PDB file of N, CA and C in Angstrom:
ATOM      1  N   MET A   1     -21.325  54.988 -11.183  1.00  0.00           N
ATOM      2  CA  MET A   1     -20.870  53.816 -11.871  1.00  0.00           C
ATOM      3  C   MET A   1     -19.498  53.380 -11.404  1.00  0.00           C
ATOM      4  N   ALA A   2     -18.669  54.312 -11.031  1.00  0.00           N
ATOM      5  CA  ALA A   2     -17.331  53.973 -10.577  1.00  0.00           C
ATOM      6  C   ALA A   2     -17.386  53.177  -9.289  1.00  0.00           C
ATOM      7  N   ILE A   3     -18.379  53.461  -8.443  1.00  0.00           N
ATOM      8  CA  ILE A   3     -18.520  52.722  -7.186  1.00  0.00           C
ATOM      9  C   ILE A   3     -18.893  51.276  -7.475  1.00  0.00           C
ATOM     10  N   HIS A   4     -19.758  51.062  -8.457  1.00  0.00           N
ATOM     11  CA  HIS A   4     -20.188  49.707  -8.823  1.00  0.00           C
ATOM     12  C   HIS A   4     -19.011  48.889  -9.358  1.00  0.00           C
ATOM     13  N   GLN A   5     -18.154  49.510 -10.162  1.00  0.00           N
ATOM     14  CA  GLN A   5     -17.001  48.807 -10.708  1.00  0.00           C
ATOM     15  C   GLN A   5     -15.986  48.480  -9.614  1.00  0.00           C
ATOM     16  N   ASP A   6     -15.792  49.367  -8.661  1.00  0.00           N
ATOM     17  CA  ASP A   6     -14.859  49.113  -7.561  1.00  0.00           C
ATOM     18  C   ASP A   6     -15.352  47.961  -6.682  1.00  0.00           C
ATOM     19  N   ALA A   7     -16.650  47.895  -6.454  1.00  0.00           N
ATOM     20  CA  ALA A   7     -17.210  46.806  -5.644  1.00  0.00           C
ATOM     21  C   ALA A   7     -17.036  45.477  -6.358  1.00  0.00           C
ATOM     22  N   ALA A   8     -17.231  45.447  -7.666  1.00  0.00           N
ATOM     23  CA  ALA A   8     -17.054  44.210  -8.439  1.00  0.00           C
ATOM     24  C   ALA A   8     -15.586  43.786  -8.423  1.00  0.00           C
ATOM     25  N   ALA A   9     -14.664  44.730  -8.497  1.00  0.00           N
ATOM     26  CA  ALA A   9     -13.241  44.400  -8.453  1.00  0.00           C
ATOM     27  C   ALA A   9     -12.867  43.841  -7.088  1.00  0.00           C
ATOM     28  N   GLY A  10     -13.462  44.373  -6.025  1.00  0.00           N
ATOM     29  CA  GLY A  10     -13.211  43.858  -4.675  1.00  0.00           C
ATOM     30  C   GLY A  10     -13.721  42.433  -4.517  1.00  0.00           C
ATOM     31  N   GLU A  11     -14.874  42.128  -5.105  1.00  0.00           N
ATOM     32  CA  GLU A  11     -15.403  40.765  -5.045  1.00  0.00           C
ATOM     33  C   GLU A  11     -14.507  39.801  -5.801  1.00  0.00           C
ATOM     34  N   ARG A  12     -13.983  40.253  -6.940  1.00  0.00           N
ATOM     35  CA  ARG A  12     -13.083  39.393  -7.722  1.00  0.00           C
ATOM     36  C   ARG A  12     -11.803  39.091  -6.961  1.00  0.00           C
ATOM     37  N   SER A  13     -11.254  40.079  -6.285  1.00  0.00           N
ATOM     38  CA  SER A  13     -10.004  39.855  -5.551  1.00  0.00           C
ATOM     39  C   SER A  13     -10.240  38.917  -4.368  1.00  0.00           C
ATOM     40  N   THR A  14     -11.412  39.017  -3.718  1.00  0.00           N
ATOM     41  CA  THR A  14     -11.733  38.104  -2.623  1.00  0.00           C
ATOM     42  C   THR A  14     -11.905  36.691  -3.165  1.00  0.00           C
ATOM     43  N   GLY A  15     -12.572  36.548  -4.303  1.00  0.00           N
ATOM     44  CA  GLY A  15     -12.743  35.241  -4.930  1.00  0.00           C
ATOM     45  C   GLY A  15     -11.408  34.654  -5.351  1.00  0.00           C
ATOM     46  N   LEU A  16     -10.551  35.517  -5.871  1.00  0.00           N
ATOM     47  CA  LEU A  16      -9.227  35.061  -6.280  1.00  0.00           C
ATOM     48  C   LEU A  16      -8.422  34.602  -5.076  1.00  0.00           C
ATOM     49  N   LYS A  17      -8.536  35.363  -3.980  1.00  0.00           N
ATOM     50  CA  LYS A  17      -7.826  35.005  -2.757  1.00  0.00           C
ATOM     51  C   LYS A  17      -8.289  33.640  -2.238  1.00  0.00           C
ATOM     52  N   ASP A  18      -9.592  33.417  -2.239  1.00  0.00           N
ATOM     53  CA  ASP A  18     -10.135  32.128  -1.796  1.00  0.00           C
ATOM     54  C   ASP A  18      -9.664  30.986  -2.684  1.00  0.00           C
ATOM     55  N   ASN A  19      -9.639  31.256  -3.988  1.00  0.00           N
ATOM     56  CA  ASN A  19      -9.173  30.221  -4.923  1.00  0.00           C
ATOM     57  C   ASN A  19      -7.705  29.871  -4.702  1.00  0.00           C
ATOM     58  N   VAL A  20      -6.902  30.878  -4.452  1.00  0.00           N
ATOM     59  CA  VAL A  20      -5.475  30.652  -4.207  1.00  0.00           C
ATOM     60  C   VAL A  20      -5.276  29.868  -2.916  1.00  0.00           C
ATOM     61  N   VAL A  21      -6.018  30.233  -1.874  1.00  0.00           N
ATOM     62  CA  VAL A  21      -5.903  29.532  -0.590  1.00  0.00           C
ATOM     63  C   VAL A  21      -6.336  28.073  -0.751  1.00  0.00           C
ATOM     64  N   ARG A  22      -7.439  27.841  -1.468  1.00  0.00           N
ATOM     65  CA  ARG A  22      -7.897  26.458  -1.710  1.00  0.00           C
ATOM     66  C   ARG A  22      -6.872  25.666  -2.503  1.00  0.00           C
ATOM     67  N   ALA A  23      -6.294  26.297  -3.526  1.00  0.00           N
ATOM     68  CA  ALA A  23      -5.301  25.613  -4.347  1.00  0.00           C
ATOM     69  C   ALA A  23      -4.051  25.260  -3.540  1.00  0.00           C
ATOM     70  N   LEU A  24      -3.601  26.190  -2.713  1.00  0.00           N
ATOM     71  CA  LEU A  24      -2.425  25.916  -1.881  1.00  0.00           C
ATOM     72  C   LEU A  24      -2.719  24.832  -0.844  1.00  0.00           C
ATOM     73  N   SER A  25      -3.921  24.841  -0.297  1.00  0.00           N
ATOM     74  CA  SER A  25      -4.304  23.805   0.665  1.00  0.00           C
ATOM     75  C   SER A  25      -4.342  22.432  -0.004  1.00  0.00           C
ATOM     76  N   ALA A  26      -4.937  22.367  -1.190  1.00  0.00           N
ATOM     77  CA  ALA A  26      -4.990  21.098  -1.923  1.00  0.00           C
ATOM     78  C   ALA A  26      -3.592  20.633  -2.304  1.00  0.00           C
ATOM     79  N   THR A  27      -2.718  21.565  -2.652  1.00  0.00           N
ATOM     80  CA  THR A  27      -1.336  21.212  -2.989  1.00  0.00           C
ATOM     81  C   THR A  27      -0.611  20.644  -1.780  1.00  0.00           C
ATOM     82  N   GLY A  28      -0.820  21.244  -0.621  1.00  0.00           N
ATOM     83  CA  GLY A  28      -0.192  20.743   0.603  1.00  0.00           C
ATOM     84  C   GLY A  28      -0.664  19.342   0.949  1.00  0.00           C
ATOM     85  N   ILE A  29      -1.953  19.093   0.793  1.00  0.00           N
ATOM     86  CA  ILE A  29      -2.486  17.748   1.066  1.00  0.00           C
ATOM     87  C   ILE A  29      -1.918  16.740   0.078  1.00  0.00           C
ATOM     88  N   ALA A  30      -1.833  17.116  -1.192  1.00  0.00           N
ATOM     89  CA  ALA A  30      -1.285  16.207  -2.205  1.00  0.00           C
ATOM     90  C   ALA A  30       0.179  15.879  -1.932  1.00  0.00           C
ATOM     91  N   ILE A  31       0.946  16.868  -1.507  1.00  0.00           N
ATOM     92  CA  ILE A  31       2.362  16.628  -1.195  1.00  0.00           C
ATOM     93  C   ILE A  31       2.487  15.712   0.019  1.00  0.00           C
ATOM     94  N   ALA A  32       1.614  15.878   1.011  1.00  0.00           N
ATOM     95  CA  ALA A  32       1.638  14.999   2.187  1.00  0.00           C
ATOM     96  C   ALA A  32       1.299  13.562   1.799  1.00  0.00           C
ATOM     97  N   GLN A  33       0.324  13.394   0.926  1.00  0.00           N
ATOM     98  CA  GLN A  33      -0.022  12.049   0.459  1.00  0.00           C
ATOM     99  C   GLN A  33       1.134  11.437  -0.317  1.00  0.00           C
ATOM    100  N   LEU A  34       1.760  12.234  -1.157  1.00  0.00           N
ATOM    101  CA  LEU A  34       2.889  11.750  -1.946  1.00  0.00           C
ATOM    102  C   LEU A  34       4.053  11.345  -1.054  1.00  0.00           C
ATOM    103  N   ALA A  35       4.351  12.145  -0.052  1.00  0.00           N
ATOM    104  CA  ALA A  35       5.469  11.834   0.844  1.00  0.00           C
ATOM    105  C   ALA A  35       5.214  10.551   1.625  1.00  0.00           C
ATOM    106  N   SER A  36       4.000  10.376   2.116  1.00  0.00           N
ATOM    107  CA  SER A  36       3.717   9.141   2.857  1.00  0.00           C
ATOM    108  C   SER A  36       3.715   7.937   1.929  1.00  0.00           C
ATOM    109  N   GLY A  37       3.284   8.116   0.689  1.00  0.00           N
ATOM    110  CA  GLY A  37       3.319   7.027  -0.280  1.00  0.00           C
ATOM    111  C   GLY A  37       4.737   6.658  -0.690  1.00  0.00           C
ATOM    112  N   LEU A  38       5.612   7.647  -0.789  1.00  0.00           N
ATOM    113  CA  LEU A  38       7.007   7.367  -1.146  1.00  0.00           C
ATOM    114  C   LEU A  38       7.709   6.577  -0.054  1.00  0.00           C
ATOM    115  N   ASN A  39       7.378   6.847   1.192  1.00  0.00           N
ATOM    116  CA  ASN A  39       7.948   6.099   2.303  1.00  0.00           C
ATOM    117  C   ASN A  39       7.567   4.618   2.194  1.00  0.00           C
ATOM    118  N   THR A  40       6.300   4.361   1.943  1.00  0.00           N
ATOM    119  CA  THR A  40       5.836   2.984   1.803  1.00  0.00           C
ATOM    120  C   THR A  40       6.445   2.330   0.567  1.00  0.00           C
ATOM    121  N   ALA A  41       6.575   3.088  -0.510  1.00  0.00           N
ATOM    122  CA  ALA A  41       7.161   2.538  -1.735  1.00  0.00           C
ATOM    123  C   ALA A  41       8.625   2.144  -1.521  1.00  0.00           C
ATOM    124  N   PHE A  42       9.364   2.971  -0.795  1.00  0.00           N
ATOM    125  CA  PHE A  42      10.765   2.643  -0.504  1.00  0.00           C
ATOM    126  C   PHE A  42      10.863   1.357   0.313  1.00  0.00           C
ATOM    127  N   LEU A  43       9.997   1.230   1.321  1.00  0.00           N
ATOM    128  CA  LEU A  43       9.992  -0.001   2.116  1.00  0.00           C
ATOM    129  C   LEU A  43       9.577  -1.205   1.275  1.00  0.00           C
ATOM    130  N   ALA A  44       8.660  -0.997   0.342  1.00  0.00           N
ATOM    131  CA  ALA A  44       8.223  -2.096  -0.530  1.00  0.00           C
ATOM    132  C   ALA A  44       9.360  -2.572  -1.428  1.00  0.00           C
ATOM    133  N   VAL A  45      10.168  -1.654  -1.914  1.00  0.00           N
ATOM    134  CA  VAL A  45      11.320  -2.039  -2.743  1.00  0.00           C
ATOM    135  C   VAL A  45      12.312  -2.852  -1.907  1.00  0.00           C
ATOM    136  N   LEU A  46      12.544  -2.434  -0.664  1.00  0.00           N
ATOM    137  CA  LEU A  46      13.454  -3.182   0.202  1.00  0.00           C
ATOM    138  C   LEU A  46      12.926  -4.592   0.488  1.00  0.00           C
ATOM    139  N   VAL A  47      11.628  -4.711   0.760  1.00  0.00           N
ATOM    140  CA  VAL A  47      11.046  -6.029   1.015  1.00  0.00           C
ATOM    141  C   VAL A  47      11.092  -6.877  -0.252  1.00  0.00           C
ATOM    142  N   LEU A  48      10.870  -6.269  -1.409  1.00  0.00           N
ATOM    143  CA  LEU A  48      10.946  -7.007  -2.671  1.00  0.00           C
ATOM    144  C   LEU A  48      12.352  -7.534  -2.923  1.00  0.00           C
ATOM    145  N   LEU A  49      13.359  -6.704  -2.648  1.00  0.00           N
ATOM    146  CA  LEU A  49      14.742  -7.178  -2.795  1.00  0.00           C
ATOM    147  C   LEU A  49      15.046  -8.303  -1.816  1.00  0.00           C
ATOM    148  N   TRP A  50      14.571  -8.166  -0.586  1.00  0.00           N
ATOM    149  CA  TRP A  50      14.766  -9.193   0.423  1.00  0.00           C
ATOM    150  C   TRP A  50      14.079 -10.492  -0.003  1.00  0.00           C
ATOM    151  N   LEU A  51      12.895 -10.369  -0.597  1.00  0.00           N
ATOM    152  CA  LEU A  51      12.170 -11.534  -1.094  1.00  0.00           C
ATOM    153  C   LEU A  51      12.926 -12.202  -2.241  1.00  0.00           C
ATOM    154  N   ALA A  52      13.534 -11.409  -3.118  1.00  0.00           N
ATOM    155  CA  ALA A  52      14.311 -11.967  -4.222  1.00  0.00           C
ATOM    156  C   ALA A  52      15.548 -12.702  -3.703  1.00  0.00           C
ATOM    157  N   VAL A  53      16.233 -12.114  -2.738  1.00  0.00           N
ATOM    158  CA  VAL A  53      17.405 -12.773  -2.150  1.00  0.00           C
ATOM    159  C   VAL A  53      16.991 -14.073  -1.476  1.00  0.00           C
ATOM    160  N   THR A  54      15.855 -14.056  -0.803  1.00  0.00           N
ATOM    161  CA  THR A  54      15.356 -15.259  -0.147  1.00  0.00           C
ATOM    162  C   THR A  54      15.019 -16.335  -1.169  1.00  0.00           C
ATOM    163  N   ALA A  55      14.416 -15.944  -2.284  1.00  0.00           N
ATOM    164  CA  ALA A  55      14.065 -16.915  -3.324  1.00  0.00           C
ATOM    165  C   ALA A  55      15.314 -17.534  -3.935  1.00  0.00           C
ATOM    166  N   VAL A  56      16.330 -16.717  -4.184  1.00  0.00           N
ATOM    167  CA  VAL A  56      17.571 -17.242  -4.778  1.00  0.00           C
ATOM    168  C   VAL A  56      18.291 -18.156  -3.798  1.00  0.00           C
ATOM    169  N   THR A  57      18.358 -17.753  -2.537  1.00  0.00           N
ATOM    170  CA  THR A  57      19.055 -18.591  -1.568  1.00  0.00           C
ATOM    171  C   THR A  57      18.224 -19.822  -1.170  1.00  0.00           C
ATOM    172  N   SER A  58      16.924 -19.793  -1.454  1.00  0.00           N
ATOM    173  CA  SER A  58      16.103 -20.979  -1.188  1.00  0.00           C
ATOM    174  C   SER A  58      16.433 -22.115  -2.139  1.00  0.00           C
ATOM    175  N   LEU A  59      16.962 -21.786  -3.299  1.00  0.00           N
ATOM    176  CA  LEU A  59      17.369 -22.828  -4.240  1.00  0.00           C
ATOM    177  C   LEU A  59      18.479 -23.688  -3.649  1.00  0.00           C
ATOM    178  N   VAL A  60      19.313 -23.091  -2.817  1.00  0.00           N
ATOM    179  CA  VAL A  60      20.387 -23.810  -2.151  1.00  0.00           C
ATOM    180  C   VAL A  60      19.881 -24.445  -0.859  1.00  0.00           C
ATOM    181  N   GLY A  61      18.802 -23.894  -0.312  1.00  0.00           N
ATOM    182  CA  GLY A  61      18.239 -24.409   0.919  1.00  0.00           C
ATOM    183  C   GLY A  61      18.403 -23.477   2.098  1.00  0.00           C
ATOM    184  N   VAL A  62      19.262 -22.491   1.971  1.00  0.00           N
ATOM    185  CA  VAL A  62      19.534 -21.576   3.069  1.00  0.00           C
ATOM    186  C   VAL A  62      18.371 -20.598   3.259  1.00  0.00           C
ATOM    187  N   GLY A  63      17.767 -20.149   2.172  1.00  0.00           N
ATOM    188  CA  GLY A  63      16.719 -19.138   2.242  1.00  0.00           C
ATOM    189  C   GLY A  63      15.407 -19.637   2.803  1.00  0.00           C
ATOM    190  N   LEU A  64      15.243 -20.946   2.903  1.00  0.00           N
ATOM    191  CA  LEU A  64      13.992 -21.484   3.428  1.00  0.00           C
ATOM    192  C   LEU A  64      13.743 -21.047   4.869  1.00  0.00           C
ATOM    193  N   LEU A  65      14.811 -20.808   5.610  1.00  0.00           N
ATOM    194  CA  LEU A  65      14.660 -20.352   6.987  1.00  0.00           C
ATOM    195  C   LEU A  65      14.196 -18.897   7.068  1.00  0.00           C
ATOM    196  N   MET A  66      14.449 -18.121   5.999  1.00  0.00           N
ATOM    197  CA  MET A  66      14.066 -16.708   5.999  1.00  0.00           C
ATOM    198  C   MET A  66      12.648 -16.472   5.482  1.00  0.00           C
ATOM    199  N   VAL A  67      12.025 -17.470   4.861  1.00  0.00           N
ATOM    200  CA  VAL A  67      10.710 -17.281   4.246  1.00  0.00           C
ATOM    201  C   VAL A  67       9.662 -16.777   5.231  1.00  0.00           C
ATOM    202  N   PRO A  68       9.501 -17.367   6.417  1.00  0.00           N
ATOM    203  CA  PRO A  68       8.471 -16.839   7.323  1.00  0.00           C
ATOM    204  C   PRO A  68       8.707 -15.386   7.738  1.00  0.00           C
ATOM    205  N   VAL A  69       9.966 -15.018   7.932  1.00  0.00           N
ATOM    206  CA  VAL A  69      10.276 -13.648   8.344  1.00  0.00           C
ATOM    207  C   VAL A  69       9.964 -12.668   7.213  1.00  0.00           C
ATOM    208  N   VAL A  70      10.306 -13.034   5.993  1.00  0.00           N
ATOM    209  CA  VAL A  70      10.041 -12.161   4.851  1.00  0.00           C
ATOM    210  C   VAL A  70       8.538 -12.015   4.629  1.00  0.00           C
ATOM    211  N   LEU A  71       7.799 -13.104   4.766  1.00  0.00           N
ATOM    212  CA  LEU A  71       6.352 -13.027   4.586  1.00  0.00           C
ATOM    213  C   LEU A  71       5.695 -12.182   5.683  1.00  0.00           C
ATOM    214  N   ARG A  72       6.214 -12.251   6.913  1.00  0.00           N
ATOM    215  CA  ARG A  72       5.693 -11.393   7.979  1.00  0.00           C
ATOM    216  C   ARG A  72       5.981  -9.917   7.687  1.00  0.00           C
ATOM    217  N   ALA A  73       7.182  -9.650   7.164  1.00  0.00           N
ATOM    218  CA  ALA A  73       7.527  -8.271   6.808  1.00  0.00           C
ATOM    219  C   ALA A  73       6.624  -7.757   5.692  1.00  0.00           C
ATOM    220  N   LEU A  74       6.343  -8.605   4.721  1.00  0.00           N
ATOM    221  CA  LEU A  74       5.451  -8.226   3.632  1.00  0.00           C
ATOM    222  C   LEU A  74       4.032  -7.976   4.147  1.00  0.00           C
ATOM    223  N   HIS A  75       3.566  -8.830   5.041  1.00  0.00           N
ATOM    224  CA  HIS A  75       2.238  -8.661   5.633  1.00  0.00           C
ATOM    225  C   HIS A  75       2.171  -7.368   6.456  1.00  0.00           C
ATOM    226  N   SER A  76       3.215  -7.074   7.192  1.00  0.00           N
ATOM    227  CA  SER A  76       3.263  -5.850   7.989  1.00  0.00           C
ATOM    228  C   SER A  76       3.254  -4.609   7.095  1.00  0.00           C
ATOM    229  N   LEU A  77       4.010  -4.662   6.000  1.00  0.00           N
ATOM    230  CA  LEU A  77       4.050  -3.545   5.065  1.00  0.00           C
ATOM    231  C   LEU A  77       2.684  -3.335   4.414  1.00  0.00           C
ATOM    232  N   ALA A  78       2.000  -4.410   4.083  1.00  0.00           N
ATOM    233  CA  ALA A  78       0.659  -4.284   3.513  1.00  0.00           C
ATOM    234  C   ALA A  78      -0.301  -3.665   4.517  1.00  0.00           C
ATOM    235  N   GLY A  79      -0.144  -4.008   5.792  1.00  0.00           N
ATOM    236  CA  GLY A  79      -0.968  -3.399   6.835  1.00  0.00           C
ATOM    237  C   GLY A  79      -0.706  -1.907   6.962  1.00  0.00           C
ATOM    238  N   GLN A  80       0.562  -1.515   6.846  1.00  0.00           N
ATOM    239  CA  GLN A  80       0.898  -0.085   6.902  1.00  0.00           C
ATOM    240  C   GLN A  80       0.268   0.660   5.728  1.00  0.00           C
ATOM    241  N   GLU A  81       0.298   0.043   4.557  1.00  0.00           N
ATOM    242  CA  GLU A  81      -0.279   0.689   3.378  1.00  0.00           C
ATOM    243  C   GLU A  81      -1.797   0.801   3.509  1.00  0.00           C
ATOM    244  N   ARG A  82      -2.436  -0.230   4.057  1.00  0.00           N
ATOM    245  CA  ARG A  82      -3.884  -0.158   4.290  1.00  0.00           C
ATOM    246  C   ARG A  82      -4.217   0.977   5.253  1.00  0.00           C
ATOM    247  N   GLU A  83      -3.413   1.115   6.302  1.00  0.00           N
ATOM    248  CA  GLU A  83      -3.631   2.189   7.277  1.00  0.00           C
ATOM    249  C   GLU A  83      -3.435   3.557   6.644  1.00  0.00           C
ATOM    250  N   ARG A  84      -2.401   3.690   5.809  1.00  0.00           N
ATOM    251  CA  ARG A  84      -2.131   4.962   5.132  1.00  0.00           C
ATOM    252  C   ARG A  84      -3.272   5.325   4.190  1.00  0.00           C
ATOM    253  N   LEU A  85      -3.738   4.361   3.426  1.00  0.00           N
ATOM    254  CA  LEU A  85      -4.842   4.640   2.510  1.00  0.00           C
ATOM    255  C   LEU A  85      -6.119   4.961   3.268  1.00  0.00           C
ATOM    256  N   GLY A  86      -6.315   4.349   4.436  1.00  0.00           N
ATOM    257  CA  GLY A  86      -7.475   4.640   5.254  1.00  0.00           C
ATOM    258  C   GLY A  86      -7.464   6.055   5.805  1.00  0.00           C
ATOM    259  N   ARG A  87      -6.270   6.604   6.035  1.00  0.00           N
ATOM    260  CA  ARG A  87      -6.174   7.979   6.521  1.00  0.00           C
ATOM    261  C   ARG A  87      -6.606   8.982   5.459  1.00  0.00           C
ATOM    262  N   TRP A  88      -6.338   8.692   4.183  1.00  0.00           N
ATOM    263  CA  TRP A  88      -6.593   9.666   3.123  1.00  0.00           C
ATOM    264  C   TRP A  88      -7.900   9.433   2.384  1.00  0.00           C
ATOM    265  N   GLY A  89      -8.542   8.317   2.607  1.00  0.00           N
ATOM    266  CA  GLY A  89      -9.777   8.052   1.870  1.00  0.00           C
ATOM    267  C   GLY A  89     -10.585   6.985   2.567  1.00  0.00           C
ATOM    268  N   SER A  90     -11.269   6.193   1.778  1.00  0.00           N
ATOM    269  CA  SER A  90     -12.081   5.133   2.365  1.00  0.00           C
ATOM    270  C   SER A  90     -11.179   4.009   2.875  1.00  0.00           C
ATOM    271  N   GLU A  91     -11.656   3.312   3.878  1.00  0.00           N
ATOM    272  CA  GLU A  91     -10.868   2.266   4.523  1.00  0.00           C
ATOM    273  C   GLU A  91     -10.747   1.046   3.613  1.00  0.00           C
ATOM    274  N   VAL A  92      -9.567   0.451   3.582  1.00  0.00           N
ATOM    275  CA  VAL A  92      -9.321  -0.747   2.810  1.00  0.00           C
ATOM    276  C   VAL A  92      -9.525  -1.942   3.731  1.00  0.00           C
ATOM    277  N   VAL A  93     -10.317  -2.896   3.286  1.00  0.00           N
ATOM    278  CA  VAL A  93     -10.641  -4.046   4.119  1.00  0.00           C
ATOM    279  C   VAL A  93      -9.423  -4.962   4.223  1.00  0.00           C
ATOM    280  N   ALA A  94      -9.094  -5.361   5.434  1.00  0.00           N
ATOM    281  CA  ALA A  94      -7.950  -6.247   5.676  1.00  0.00           C
ATOM    282  C   ALA A  94      -8.322  -7.680   5.304  1.00  0.00           C
ATOM    283  N   PRO A  95      -7.346  -8.459   4.851  1.00  0.00           N
ATOM    284  CA  PRO A  95      -7.636  -9.850   4.520  1.00  0.00           C
ATOM    285  C   PRO A  95      -7.819 -10.684   5.785  1.00  0.00           C
ATOM    286  N   GLU A  96      -8.274 -11.903   5.593  1.00  0.00           N
ATOM    287  CA  GLU A  96      -8.403 -12.810   6.730  1.00  0.00           C
ATOM    288  C   GLU A  96      -7.014 -13.119   7.276  1.00  0.00           C
ATOM    289  N   PRO A  97      -6.915 -13.448   8.553  1.00  0.00           N
ATOM    290  CA  PRO A  97      -5.596 -13.784   9.101  1.00  0.00           C
ATOM    291  C   PRO A  97      -5.059 -15.058   8.447  1.00  0.00           C
ATOM    292  N   PRO A  98      -3.752 -15.179   8.360  1.00  0.00           N
ATOM    293  CA  PRO A  98      -3.183 -16.369   7.726  1.00  0.00           C
ATOM    294  C   PRO A  98      -3.453 -17.610   8.574  1.00  0.00           C
ATOM    295  N   PRO A  99      -3.538 -18.769   7.920  1.00  0.00           N
ATOM    296  CA  PRO A  99      -3.794 -19.995   8.675  1.00  0.00           C
ATOM    297  C   PRO A  99      -2.614 -20.346   9.577  1.00  0.00           C
ATOM    298  N   THR A 100      -2.923 -20.968  10.696  1.00  0.00           N
ATOM    299  CA  THR A 100      -1.871 -21.322  11.645  1.00  0.00           C
ATOM    300  C   THR A 100      -1.425 -22.770  11.494  1.00  0.00           C
ATOM    301  N   GLN A 101      -2.227 -23.586  10.846  1.00  0.00           N
ATOM    302  CA  GLN A 101      -1.865 -24.990  10.666  1.00  0.00           C
ATOM    303  C   GLN A 101      -1.432 -25.223   9.231  1.00  0.00           C
ATOM    304  N   LEU A 102      -0.538 -26.195   9.041  1.00  0.00           N
ATOM    305  CA  LEU A 102      -0.004 -26.481   7.717  1.00  0.00           C
ATOM    306  C   LEU A 102      -1.097 -26.970   6.781  1.00  0.00           C
ATOM    307  N   ARG A 103      -1.959 -27.848   7.252  1.00  0.00           N
ATOM    308  CA  ARG A 103      -3.019 -28.369   6.387  1.00  0.00           C
ATOM    309  C   ARG A 103      -3.943 -27.252   5.913  1.00  0.00           C
ATOM    310  N   ALA A 104      -4.281 -26.333   6.794  1.00  0.00           N
ATOM    311  CA  ALA A 104      -5.142 -25.217   6.410  1.00  0.00           C
ATOM    312  C   ALA A 104      -4.450 -24.311   5.393  1.00  0.00           C
ATOM    313  N   ALA A 105      -3.123 -24.222   5.467  1.00  0.00           N
ATOM    314  CA  ALA A 105      -2.381 -23.403   4.518  1.00  0.00           C
ATOM    315  C   ALA A 105      -2.310 -24.062   3.147  1.00  0.00           C
ATOM    316  N   LEU A 106      -2.259 -25.400   3.116  1.00  0.00           N
ATOM    317  CA  LEU A 106      -2.139 -26.102   1.847  1.00  0.00           C
ATOM    318  C   LEU A 106      -3.477 -26.352   1.169  1.00  0.00           C
ATOM    319  N   VAL A 107      -4.546 -26.335   1.923  1.00  0.00           N
ATOM    320  CA  VAL A 107      -5.868 -26.591   1.364  1.00  0.00           C
ATOM    321  C   VAL A 107      -6.579 -25.254   1.171  1.00  0.00           C
ATOM    322  N   GLY A 108      -7.218 -25.089   0.023  1.00  0.00           N
ATOM    323  CA  GLY A 108      -7.913 -23.841  -0.285  1.00  0.00           C
ATOM    324  C   GLY A 108      -9.227 -23.729   0.467  1.00  0.00           C
ATOM    325  N   ASP A 109     -10.010 -22.709   0.118  1.00  0.00           N
ATOM    326  CA  ASP A 109     -11.292 -22.444   0.767  1.00  0.00           C
ATOM    327  C   ASP A 109     -12.303 -23.560   0.517  1.00  0.00           C
ATOM    328  N   ARG A 110     -12.203 -24.206  -0.623  1.00  0.00           N
ATOM    329  CA  ARG A 110     -13.176 -25.237  -0.977  1.00  0.00           C
ATOM    330  C   ARG A 110     -12.753 -26.629  -0.524  1.00  0.00           C
ATOM    331  N   GLY A 111     -11.617 -26.739   0.109  1.00  0.00           N
ATOM    332  CA  GLY A 111     -11.160 -28.039   0.573  1.00  0.00           C
ATOM    333  C   GLY A 111     -10.293 -28.769  -0.439  1.00  0.00           C
ATOM    334  N   HIS A 112     -10.036 -28.150  -1.596  1.00  0.00           N
ATOM    335  CA  HIS A 112      -9.193 -28.759  -2.611  1.00  0.00           C
ATOM    336  C   HIS A 112      -7.758 -28.304  -2.405  1.00  0.00           C
ATOM    337  N   PRO A 113      -6.797 -29.161  -2.705  1.00  0.00           N
ATOM    338  CA  PRO A 113      -5.401 -28.714  -2.603  1.00  0.00           C
ATOM    339  C   PRO A 113      -5.143 -27.558  -3.579  1.00  0.00           C
ATOM    340  N   ARG A 114      -4.304 -26.684  -3.193  1.00  0.00           N
ATOM    341  CA  ARG A 114      -3.988 -25.548  -4.059  1.00  0.00           C
ATOM    342  C   ARG A 114      -3.175 -26.015  -5.256  1.00  0.00           C
ATOM    343  N   ARG A 115      -3.239 -25.247  -6.333  1.00  0.00           N
ATOM    344  CA  ARG A 115      -2.541 -25.627  -7.574  1.00  0.00           C
ATOM    345  C   ARG A 115      -1.028 -25.718  -7.354  1.00  0.00           C
ATOM    346  N   GLY A 116      -0.496 -24.820  -6.559  1.00  0.00           N
ATOM    347  CA  GLY A 116       0.948 -24.847  -6.311  1.00  0.00           C
ATOM    348  C   GLY A 116       1.385 -26.137  -5.646  1.00  0.00           C
ATOM    349  N   THR A 117       0.577 -26.634  -4.734  1.00  0.00           N
ATOM    350  CA  THR A 117       0.880 -27.892  -4.066  1.00  0.00           C
ATOM    351  C   THR A 117       0.834 -29.045  -5.055  1.00  0.00           C
ATOM    352  N   ILE A 118      -0.138 -29.006  -5.947  1.00  0.00           N
ATOM    353  CA  ILE A 118      -0.245 -30.051  -6.950  1.00  0.00           C
ATOM    354  C   ILE A 118       0.970 -30.019  -7.885  1.00  0.00           C
ATOM    355  N   CYS A 119       1.374 -28.825  -8.312  1.00  0.00           N
ATOM    356  CA  CYS A 119       2.525 -28.715  -9.201  1.00  0.00           C
ATOM    357  C   CYS A 119       3.794 -29.208  -8.524  1.00  0.00           C
ATOM    358  N   ILE A 120       3.966 -28.892  -7.259  1.00  0.00           N
ATOM    359  CA  ILE A 120       5.152 -29.355  -6.523  1.00  0.00           C
ATOM    360  C   ILE A 120       5.116 -30.871  -6.410  1.00  0.00           C
ATOM    361  N   ALA A 121       3.954 -31.418  -6.133  1.00  0.00           N
ATOM    362  CA  ALA A 121       3.841 -32.866  -6.002  1.00  0.00           C
ATOM    363  C   ALA A 121       4.102 -33.567  -7.329  1.00  0.00           C
ATOM    364  N   LEU A 122       3.667 -32.983  -8.429  1.00  0.00           N
ATOM    365  CA  LEU A 122       3.867 -33.600  -9.744  1.00  0.00           C
ATOM    366  C   LEU A 122       5.318 -33.519 -10.198  1.00  0.00           C
ATOM    367  N   THR A 123       6.023 -32.490  -9.822  1.00  0.00           N
ATOM    368  CA  THR A 123       7.401 -32.338 -10.289  1.00  0.00           C
ATOM    369  C   THR A 123       8.412 -33.053  -9.415  1.00  0.00           C
ATOM    370  N   SER A 124       8.031 -33.474  -8.238  1.00  0.00           N
ATOM    371  CA  SER A 124       9.014 -34.130  -7.371  1.00  0.00           C
ATOM    372  C   SER A 124       9.010 -35.619  -7.533  1.00  0.00           C
TER     373      SER A 124
END
């Protein structure tokens, strides 16, 4: 009987060892995901602050020149986040490319002017 109990104790220690290794592996993966997410979050805060400064300076007219650059930075950051999420799970579908012509940017998918354009036209 003592041999049977020793064999069962050996199986438990092997199972425990496997569980510990799995837990440590999962912890390492979670920390890697967290670290890569924090990097993107820090960049997102910087782009958000830059966007706020651009919005405030656009009231004076100076920030209007920075709008395309800020929007490109935001688009690039979103692409980085899509790539990061694709590495850790299922792929995130990218949006359609932005329109290159002004009319295409102001007109929606159905051919109707966007609400923002209408509001700007009504208030001016």
